[in-house]
């Protein structure tokens, strides 16, 4: 696990004795210049949507990056056959002994799986154990220094 030191942002250069290698998943989106363009996924239904002309809706810029990180949080680690290191380790939430620090570390690690995320500034989450639902709000700094916020 990666360690977050109190009062310090969590970034790619954070060092820890227990730091694990993070896989760098490759996106299948379209790259135009320095902007990624990808299919839009409706966050409420998790479905790909069509526009009025029956073409796939597309998403780009900061919204695409937020969607990419959100999808990583929703993906179970080791469930994607092309990259078994992509996604969130759900076992830390579903274990009998719930440890908020370990869950926080896993969330930070998952957010940093995207190469465009340089530093995670904040992650706040709420776990409803009875309904088995994890809600996450996050803030991170991109490689160019801009701050982006999102939630899932």
C-alpha atoms as a PDB file:
ATOM      1  CA  UNK A   1       0.000   0.000   0.000  1.00  0.00           C
ATOM      2  CA  UNK A   2       1.041   3.580  -0.462  1.00  0.00           C
ATOM      3  CA  UNK A   3       1.132   5.777   2.580  1.00  0.00           C
ATOM      4  CA  UNK A   4      -0.404   9.229   2.788  1.00  0.00           C
ATOM      5  CA  UNK A   5       1.362  11.446   5.233  1.00  0.00           C
ATOM      6  CA  UNK A   6      -0.926  13.762   7.139  1.00  0.00           C
ATOM      7  CA  UNK A   7      -1.023  17.222   5.595  1.00  0.00           C
ATOM      8  CA  UNK A   8       0.870  16.184   2.444  1.00  0.00           C
ATOM      9  CA  UNK A   9      -0.637  15.540  -0.970  1.00  0.00           C
ATOM     10  CA  UNK A  10      -0.334  12.065  -2.397  1.00  0.00           C
ATOM     11  CA  UNK A  11       1.589  12.037  -5.669  1.00  0.00           C
ATOM     12  CA  UNK A  12       3.558   9.877  -8.047  1.00  0.00           C
ATOM     13  CA  UNK A  13       6.782  10.646  -6.178  1.00  0.00           C
ATOM     14  CA  UNK A  14       5.470   9.543  -2.753  1.00  0.00           C
ATOM     15  CA  UNK A  15       7.817   6.976  -1.321  1.00  0.00           C
ATOM     16  CA  UNK A  16       6.973   4.226   1.071  1.00  0.00           C
ATOM     17  CA  UNK A  17       8.565   0.989   2.230  1.00  0.00           C
ATOM     18  CA  UNK A  18       5.328  -0.756   1.376  1.00  0.00           C
ATOM     19  CA  UNK A  19       4.734   1.008  -1.954  1.00  0.00           C
ATOM     20  CA  UNK A  20       3.509  -1.313  -4.654  1.00  0.00           C
ATOM     21  CA  UNK A  21       4.013  -1.022  -8.378  1.00  0.00           C
ATOM     22  CA  UNK A  22       1.121   0.706 -10.076  1.00  0.00           C
ATOM     23  CA  UNK A  23       0.162  -0.476 -13.506  1.00  0.00           C
ATOM     24  CA  UNK A  24      -0.298   2.167 -16.145  1.00  0.00           C
ATOM     25  CA  UNK A  25      -3.473   1.180 -17.975  1.00  0.00           C
ATOM     26  CA  UNK A  26      -3.729   2.321 -21.539  1.00  0.00           C
ATOM     27  CA  UNK A  27      -6.956   3.949 -22.621  1.00  0.00           C
ATOM     28  CA  UNK A  28      -8.603   3.070 -25.886  1.00  0.00           C
ATOM     29  CA  UNK A  29      -9.810   6.645 -26.455  1.00  0.00           C
ATOM     30  CA  UNK A  30      -8.879   8.878 -29.345  1.00  0.00           C
ATOM     31  CA  UNK A  31      -5.985  11.270 -28.790  1.00  0.00           C
ATOM     32  CA  UNK A  32      -6.178  14.658 -30.482  1.00  0.00           C
ATOM     33  CA  UNK A  33      -3.251  16.866 -29.612  1.00  0.00           C
ATOM     34  CA  UNK A  34      -2.924  16.760 -25.840  1.00  0.00           C
ATOM     35  CA  UNK A  35      -6.621  15.973 -25.302  1.00  0.00           C
ATOM     36  CA  UNK A  36      -8.117  12.528 -24.965  1.00  0.00           C
ATOM     37  CA  UNK A  37     -11.520  11.872 -26.498  1.00  0.00           C
ATOM     38  CA  UNK A  38     -13.536   8.867 -25.402  1.00  0.00           C
ATOM     39  CA  UNK A  39     -17.040   7.404 -25.416  1.00  0.00           C
ATOM     40  CA  UNK A  40     -19.373   9.067 -22.905  1.00  0.00           C
ATOM     41  CA  UNK A  41     -20.614   6.728 -20.169  1.00  0.00           C
ATOM     42  CA  UNK A  42     -23.729   7.860 -18.332  1.00  0.00           C
ATOM     43  CA  UNK A  43     -22.742   7.825 -14.624  1.00  0.00           C
ATOM     44  CA  UNK A  44     -26.281   6.960 -13.482  1.00  0.00           C
ATOM     45  CA  UNK A  45     -26.788   3.966 -15.772  1.00  0.00           C
ATOM     46  CA  UNK A  46     -23.180   3.044 -16.712  1.00  0.00           C
ATOM     47  CA  UNK A  47     -24.346   2.806 -20.318  1.00  0.00           C
ATOM     48  CA  UNK A  48     -22.808   4.264 -23.457  1.00  0.00           C
ATOM     49  CA  UNK A  49     -25.190   6.864 -24.864  1.00  0.00           C
ATOM     50  CA  UNK A  50     -26.177   7.933 -28.348  1.00  0.00           C
ATOM     51  CA  UNK A  51     -26.860  11.487 -29.485  1.00  0.00           C
ATOM     52  CA  UNK A  52     -29.785  12.772 -31.603  1.00  0.00           C
ATOM     53  CA  UNK A  53     -28.084  11.599 -34.831  1.00  0.00           C
ATOM     54  CA  UNK A  54     -27.655   8.055 -33.446  1.00  0.00           C
ATOM     55  CA  UNK A  55     -23.914   8.536 -33.118  1.00  0.00           C
ATOM     56  CA  UNK A  56     -22.008   7.680 -29.986  1.00  0.00           C
ATOM     57  CA  UNK A  57     -21.766  10.584 -27.552  1.00  0.00           C
ATOM     58  CA  UNK A  58     -18.163  11.560 -26.953  1.00  0.00           C
ATOM     59  CA  UNK A  59     -16.432  13.150 -23.967  1.00  0.00           C
ATOM     60  CA  UNK A  60     -13.115  14.990 -23.793  1.00  0.00           C
ATOM     61  CA  UNK A  61     -10.923  17.215 -21.655  1.00  0.00           C
ATOM     62  CA  UNK A  62     -11.287  17.286 -17.886  1.00  0.00           C
ATOM     63  CA  UNK A  63     -14.663  15.538 -18.051  1.00  0.00           C
ATOM     64  CA  UNK A  64     -13.042  12.583 -19.818  1.00  0.00           C
ATOM     65  CA  UNK A  65     -10.301  12.418 -17.182  1.00  0.00           C
ATOM     66  CA  UNK A  66     -12.862  12.453 -14.350  1.00  0.00           C
ATOM     67  CA  UNK A  67     -14.796   9.707 -16.165  1.00  0.00           C
ATOM     68  CA  UNK A  68     -11.608   7.667 -16.589  1.00  0.00           C
ATOM     69  CA  UNK A  69     -10.761   7.852 -12.869  1.00  0.00           C
ATOM     70  CA  UNK A  70     -14.394   7.116 -11.953  1.00  0.00           C
ATOM     71  CA  UNK A  71     -14.380   4.014 -14.157  1.00  0.00           C
ATOM     72  CA  UNK A  72     -11.186   2.842 -12.420  1.00  0.00           C
ATOM     73  CA  UNK A  73     -12.955   3.166  -9.036  1.00  0.00           C
ATOM     74  CA  UNK A  74     -15.900   1.117 -10.364  1.00  0.00           C
ATOM     75  CA  UNK A  75     -13.715  -1.603 -11.890  1.00  0.00           C
ATOM     76  CA  UNK A  76     -12.723  -4.525  -9.691  1.00  0.00           C
ATOM     77  CA  UNK A  77      -8.960  -4.977  -9.666  1.00  0.00           C
ATOM     78  CA  UNK A  78      -7.804  -7.942 -11.782  1.00  0.00           C
ATOM     79  CA  UNK A  79     -11.149  -8.149 -13.607  1.00  0.00           C
ATOM     80  CA  UNK A  80      -9.850  -6.744 -16.892  1.00  0.00           C
ATOM     81  CA  UNK A  81      -7.941  -9.439 -18.766  1.00  0.00           C
ATOM     82  CA  UNK A  82      -5.651  -6.963 -20.563  1.00  0.00           C
ATOM     83  CA  UNK A  83      -4.366  -5.465 -17.312  1.00  0.00           C
ATOM     84  CA  UNK A  84      -4.866  -7.290 -14.024  1.00  0.00           C
ATOM     85  CA  UNK A  85      -3.521  -4.305 -12.057  1.00  0.00           C
ATOM     86  CA  UNK A  86      -6.227  -1.900 -13.295  1.00  0.00           C
ATOM     87  CA  UNK A  87      -9.100  -1.009 -10.986  1.00  0.00           C
ATOM     88  CA  UNK A  88      -9.947  -0.796  -7.298  1.00  0.00           C
ATOM     89  CA  UNK A  89      -9.185  -3.592  -4.831  1.00  0.00           C
ATOM     90  CA  UNK A  90     -12.703  -4.165  -3.496  1.00  0.00           C
ATOM     91  CA  UNK A  91     -11.500  -6.762  -1.006  1.00  0.00           C
ATOM     92  CA  UNK A  92     -10.359  -4.004   1.377  1.00  0.00           C
ATOM     93  CA  UNK A  93     -13.937  -2.706   1.611  1.00  0.00           C
ATOM     94  CA  UNK A  94     -15.604  -6.103   1.735  1.00  0.00           C
ATOM     95  CA  UNK A  95     -13.320  -7.653   4.343  1.00  0.00           C
ATOM     96  CA  UNK A  96     -14.679  -8.615   7.747  1.00  0.00           C
ATOM     97  CA  UNK A  97     -12.305  -6.203   9.449  1.00  0.00           C
ATOM     98  CA  UNK A  98     -12.983  -2.810   7.848  1.00  0.00           C
ATOM     99  CA  UNK A  99      -9.953  -0.506   8.027  1.00  0.00           C
ATOM    100  CA  UNK A 100     -10.566   3.046   6.786  1.00  0.00           C
ATOM    101  CA  UNK A 101      -6.832   3.744   6.355  1.00  0.00           C
ATOM    102  CA  UNK A 102      -6.356   0.782   4.040  1.00  0.00           C
ATOM    103  CA  UNK A 103      -9.434   1.767   2.006  1.00  0.00           C
ATOM    104  CA  UNK A 104      -8.076   5.322   1.707  1.00  0.00           C
ATOM    105  CA  UNK A 105      -4.689   4.042   0.514  1.00  0.00           C
ATOM    106  CA  UNK A 106      -6.347   1.838  -2.118  1.00  0.00           C
ATOM    107  CA  UNK A 107      -8.461   4.759  -3.359  1.00  0.00           C
ATOM    108  CA  UNK A 108      -5.362   6.960  -3.708  1.00  0.00           C
ATOM    109  CA  UNK A 109      -3.530   4.178  -5.522  1.00  0.00           C
ATOM    110  CA  UNK A 110      -6.447   3.650  -7.902  1.00  0.00           C
ATOM    111  CA  UNK A 111      -6.670   7.365  -8.762  1.00  0.00           C
ATOM    112  CA  UNK A 112      -2.954   7.394  -9.618  1.00  0.00           C
ATOM    113  CA  UNK A 113      -3.352   4.562 -12.135  1.00  0.00           C
ATOM    114  CA  UNK A 114      -4.105   7.152 -14.815  1.00  0.00           C
ATOM    115  CA  UNK A 115      -0.877   8.697 -16.143  1.00  0.00           C
ATOM    116  CA  UNK A 116      -2.545  12.098 -16.479  1.00  0.00           C
ATOM    117  CA  UNK A 117      -3.040  12.339 -12.696  1.00  0.00           C
ATOM    118  CA  UNK A 118       0.086  13.765 -11.103  1.00  0.00           C
ATOM    119  CA  UNK A 119      -1.068  14.245  -7.526  1.00  0.00           C
ATOM    120  CA  UNK A 120      -4.163  13.324  -5.523  1.00  0.00           C
ATOM    121  CA  UNK A 121      -5.093  16.303  -3.359  1.00  0.00           C
ATOM    122  CA  UNK A 122      -8.063  14.847  -1.526  1.00  0.00           C
ATOM    123  CA  UNK A 123     -10.306  11.811  -1.461  1.00  0.00           C
ATOM    124  CA  UNK A 124     -13.403  11.686   0.706  1.00  0.00           C
ATOM    125  CA  UNK A 125     -15.577   8.612   0.800  1.00  0.00           C
ATOM    126  CA  UNK A 126     -18.606   7.185   2.513  1.00  0.00           C
ATOM    127  CA  UNK A 127     -19.202   3.449   2.797  1.00  0.00           C
ATOM    128  CA  UNK A 128     -22.730   2.198   3.394  1.00  0.00           C
ATOM    129  CA  UNK A 129     -21.985  -1.323   4.604  1.00  0.00           C
ATOM    130  CA  UNK A 130     -25.616  -2.398   4.739  1.00  0.00           C
ATOM    131  CA  UNK A 131     -26.210  -1.549   1.054  1.00  0.00           C
ATOM    132  CA  UNK A 132     -22.578  -2.267   0.061  1.00  0.00           C
ATOM    133  CA  UNK A 133     -22.180   1.129  -1.628  1.00  0.00           C
ATOM    134  CA  UNK A 134     -19.001   3.195  -1.657  1.00  0.00           C
ATOM    135  CA  UNK A 135     -19.341   6.867  -2.661  1.00  0.00           C
ATOM    136  CA  UNK A 136     -16.115   8.707  -3.487  1.00  0.00           C
ATOM    137  CA  UNK A 137     -15.383  12.412  -4.067  1.00  0.00           C
ATOM    138  CA  UNK A 138     -11.915  13.269  -5.283  1.00  0.00           C
ATOM    139  CA  UNK A 139      -9.660  16.153  -6.201  1.00  0.00           C
ATOM    140  CA  UNK A 140      -6.395  15.781  -8.073  1.00  0.00           C
ATOM    141  CA  UNK A 141      -3.785  17.761  -9.954  1.00  0.00           C
ATOM    142  CA  UNK A 142      -3.093  16.928 -13.581  1.00  0.00           C
ATOM    143  CA  UNK A 143       0.396  16.765 -15.076  1.00  0.00           C
ATOM    144  CA  UNK A 144      -0.004  20.362 -16.326  1.00  0.00           C
ATOM    145  CA  UNK A 145      -0.776  21.655 -12.796  1.00  0.00           C
ATOM    146  CA  UNK A 146      -4.542  22.172 -13.212  1.00  0.00           C
ATOM    147  CA  UNK A 147      -6.823  20.881 -10.440  1.00  0.00           C
ATOM    148  CA  UNK A 148      -9.797  18.663 -11.298  1.00  0.00           C
ATOM    149  CA  UNK A 149     -12.616  17.440  -9.042  1.00  0.00           C
ATOM    150  CA  UNK A 150     -15.124  14.670  -9.464  1.00  0.00           C
ATOM    151  CA  UNK A 151     -17.101  11.986  -7.755  1.00  0.00           C
ATOM    152  CA  UNK A 152     -18.561   8.545  -8.176  1.00  0.00           C
END
